[in-house]
N, C-alpha and C. Protein backbone atom coordinates (compact mmCIF):
# COMPACT_ATOMS: atom_id res chain seq x y z
N UNK A 1 91.96 91.65 91.97
CA UNK A 1 93.22 91.45 92.62
C UNK A 1 93.19 92.05 94.01
N UNK A 2 93.72 91.34 94.95
CA UNK A 2 93.83 91.84 96.31
C UNK A 2 95.18 92.54 96.47
N UNK A 3 95.15 93.69 97.12
CA UNK A 3 96.38 94.41 97.43
C UNK A 3 96.57 94.36 98.93
N UNK A 4 97.66 93.77 99.36
CA UNK A 4 97.97 93.66 100.77
C UNK A 4 98.32 95.04 101.32
N UNK A 5 97.73 95.41 102.46
CA UNK A 5 97.94 96.73 103.03
C UNK A 5 99.41 97.02 103.32
N UNK A 6 100.22 96.01 103.57
CA UNK A 6 101.63 96.26 103.85
C UNK A 6 102.35 96.87 102.64
N UNK A 7 101.83 96.65 101.45
CA UNK A 7 102.46 97.20 100.25
C UNK A 7 102.31 98.72 100.16
N UNK A 8 101.30 99.27 100.83
CA UNK A 8 101.07 100.71 100.77
C UNK A 8 100.89 101.31 102.17
N UNK A 9 101.66 100.79 103.11
CA UNK A 9 101.51 101.18 104.51
C UNK A 9 102.00 102.60 104.80
N UNK A 10 102.80 103.18 103.94
CA UNK A 10 103.34 104.51 104.17
C UNK A 10 102.89 105.46 103.06
N UNK A 11 102.74 106.74 103.37
CA UNK A 11 102.42 107.72 102.31
C UNK A 11 103.52 107.71 101.24
N UNK A 12 103.10 107.77 100.00
CA UNK A 12 104.06 107.80 98.89
C UNK A 12 104.33 106.46 98.26
N UNK A 13 103.87 105.36 98.88
CA UNK A 13 104.04 104.04 98.28
C UNK A 13 102.75 103.69 97.55
N UNK A 14 102.86 103.26 96.30
CA UNK A 14 101.68 102.95 95.51
C UNK A 14 101.83 101.60 94.80
N UNK A 15 100.70 100.98 94.54
CA UNK A 15 100.61 99.77 93.73
C UNK A 15 99.77 100.13 92.52
N UNK A 16 100.33 99.93 91.34
CA UNK A 16 99.62 100.28 90.11
C UNK A 16 99.36 99.02 89.30
N UNK A 17 98.10 98.79 88.98
CA UNK A 17 97.74 97.71 88.06
C UNK A 17 97.57 98.34 86.69
N UNK A 18 98.42 97.94 85.77
CA UNK A 18 98.41 98.49 84.41
C UNK A 18 97.62 97.53 83.52
N UNK A 19 96.65 98.05 82.81
CA UNK A 19 95.86 97.26 81.87
C UNK A 19 95.99 97.94 80.51
N UNK A 20 96.41 97.18 79.51
CA UNK A 20 96.63 97.75 78.18
C UNK A 20 96.25 96.74 77.11
N UNK A 21 96.23 97.21 75.89
CA UNK A 21 95.84 96.36 74.77
C UNK A 21 96.88 95.28 74.45
N UNK A 22 98.18 95.59 74.70
CA UNK A 22 99.22 94.63 74.31
C UNK A 22 100.46 94.80 75.19
N UNK A 23 101.37 93.85 75.07
CA UNK A 23 102.60 93.84 75.87
C UNK A 23 103.49 95.04 75.59
N UNK A 24 103.55 95.47 74.34
CA UNK A 24 104.40 96.62 73.99
C UNK A 24 103.95 97.88 74.71
N UNK A 25 102.65 98.08 74.80
CA UNK A 25 102.12 99.26 75.49
C UNK A 25 102.45 99.21 76.97
N UNK A 26 102.29 98.04 77.59
CA UNK A 26 102.65 97.89 79.00
C UNK A 26 104.13 98.20 79.21
N UNK A 27 104.98 97.70 78.35
CA UNK A 27 106.43 97.94 78.48
C UNK A 27 106.75 99.43 78.42
N UNK A 28 106.11 100.17 77.53
CA UNK A 28 106.35 101.61 77.41
C UNK A 28 105.91 102.33 78.70
N UNK A 29 104.75 101.96 79.22
CA UNK A 29 104.24 102.59 80.44
C UNK A 29 105.17 102.28 81.62
N UNK A 30 105.55 101.01 81.78
CA UNK A 30 106.43 100.65 82.89
C UNK A 30 107.78 101.32 82.79
N UNK A 31 108.31 101.44 81.59
CA UNK A 31 109.59 102.13 81.39
C UNK A 31 109.47 103.60 81.80
N UNK A 32 108.37 104.25 81.43
CA UNK A 32 108.17 105.64 81.80
C UNK A 32 108.06 105.82 83.31
N UNK A 33 107.34 104.93 83.97
CA UNK A 33 107.24 104.99 85.43
C UNK A 33 108.59 104.77 86.09
N UNK A 34 109.34 103.83 85.54
CA UNK A 34 110.66 103.50 86.09
C UNK A 34 111.63 104.67 85.95
N UNK A 35 111.48 105.46 84.92
CA UNK A 35 112.37 106.61 84.73
C UNK A 35 112.01 107.76 85.66
N UNK A 36 110.77 107.77 86.15
CA UNK A 36 110.32 108.86 87.00
C UNK A 36 110.48 108.57 88.49
N UNK A 37 110.18 107.34 88.91
CA UNK A 37 110.18 106.99 90.33
C UNK A 37 110.96 105.70 90.56
N UNK A 38 111.26 105.43 91.82
CA UNK A 38 111.83 104.14 92.20
C UNK A 38 110.69 103.11 92.13
N UNK A 39 110.85 102.10 91.28
CA UNK A 39 109.78 101.11 91.09
C UNK A 39 110.33 99.70 91.23
N UNK A 40 109.42 98.75 91.21
CA UNK A 40 109.80 97.34 91.26
C UNK A 40 110.32 96.85 89.91
N UNK A 41 110.36 97.73 88.92
CA UNK A 41 110.90 97.39 87.61
C UNK A 41 109.88 96.79 86.67
N UNK A 42 110.36 96.32 85.54
CA UNK A 42 109.49 95.71 84.54
C UNK A 42 109.00 94.38 85.10
N UNK A 43 107.69 94.22 85.14
CA UNK A 43 107.10 93.03 85.74
C UNK A 43 106.49 92.13 84.68
N UNK A 44 106.24 90.87 85.02
CA UNK A 44 105.61 89.97 84.05
C UNK A 44 104.22 90.47 83.65
N UNK A 45 103.86 90.19 82.42
CA UNK A 45 102.55 90.56 81.88
C UNK A 45 101.69 89.31 81.86
N UNK A 46 100.41 89.46 82.21
CA UNK A 46 99.51 88.32 82.21
C UNK A 46 98.28 88.60 81.36
N UNK A 47 97.67 87.53 80.90
CA UNK A 47 96.41 87.60 80.16
C UNK A 47 95.38 86.76 80.90
N UNK A 48 94.14 87.21 80.86
CA UNK A 48 93.03 86.43 81.41
C UNK A 48 92.24 85.89 80.23
N UNK A 49 92.14 84.56 80.11
CA UNK A 49 91.41 83.99 78.98
C UNK A 49 89.99 84.57 78.88
N UNK A 50 89.61 84.95 77.68
CA UNK A 50 88.28 85.49 77.44
C UNK A 50 88.16 86.98 77.65
N UNK A 51 89.22 87.62 78.16
CA UNK A 51 89.21 89.07 78.36
C UNK A 51 90.22 89.71 77.43
N UNK A 52 89.88 90.88 76.95
CA UNK A 52 90.79 91.61 76.06
C UNK A 52 91.91 92.23 76.88
N UNK A 53 93.06 92.39 76.27
CA UNK A 53 94.16 93.12 76.89
C UNK A 53 95.05 92.27 77.78
N UNK A 54 96.05 92.96 78.34
CA UNK A 54 97.03 92.34 79.23
C UNK A 54 97.14 93.18 80.50
N UNK A 55 97.69 92.57 81.56
CA UNK A 55 97.81 93.25 82.85
C UNK A 55 99.23 93.09 83.39
N UNK A 56 99.65 94.09 84.14
CA UNK A 56 100.93 94.03 84.86
C UNK A 56 100.75 94.83 86.14
N UNK A 57 101.54 94.51 87.15
CA UNK A 57 101.49 95.23 88.42
C UNK A 57 102.88 95.77 88.73
N UNK A 58 102.93 97.00 89.19
CA UNK A 58 104.20 97.62 89.56
C UNK A 58 104.02 98.32 90.91
N UNK A 59 105.05 98.24 91.71
CA UNK A 59 105.09 98.94 93.00
C UNK A 59 106.02 100.13 92.83
N UNK A 60 105.60 101.30 93.31
CA UNK A 60 106.41 102.50 93.15
C UNK A 60 106.47 103.29 94.45
N UNK A 61 107.62 103.92 94.63
CA UNK A 61 107.82 104.84 95.75
C UNK A 61 107.91 106.23 95.12
N UNK A 62 106.81 106.98 95.14
CA UNK A 62 106.78 108.28 94.47
C UNK A 62 107.49 109.37 95.26
N UNK A 63 108.01 109.02 96.45
CA UNK A 63 108.79 109.98 97.23
C UNK A 63 110.23 110.06 96.74
N UNK A 64 110.66 108.98 96.05
CA UNK A 64 112.06 108.90 95.61
C UNK A 64 112.14 108.93 94.09
N UNK A 65 112.96 109.81 93.56
CA UNK A 65 113.13 109.81 92.09
C UNK A 65 113.89 108.57 91.64
N UNK A 66 113.77 108.28 90.38
CA UNK A 66 114.49 107.16 89.80
C UNK A 66 115.99 107.40 89.88
N UNK A 67 116.75 106.31 89.94
CA UNK A 67 118.20 106.40 89.89
C UNK A 67 118.74 106.35 88.47
N UNK A 68 117.84 106.32 87.49
CA UNK A 68 118.27 106.17 86.09
C UNK A 68 118.74 107.49 85.48
N UNK A 69 118.35 108.59 86.04
CA UNK A 69 118.64 109.76 85.29
C UNK A 69 119.23 110.87 85.97
């Protein structure tokens, strides 16, 4: 996957590619990230035929805490 430099142009902005065994695991990880930082939220999960596991991408601003809590 290509990550465009504009997505991480400032310190504290990150792009995380989550790879897990199943959709439920990805959902738990994304929920945890969302509770800690300002994120792009729960994102679609994808599978690559012939490869094990699922993938999701999330954008986070680790300078700002989540508004959830």
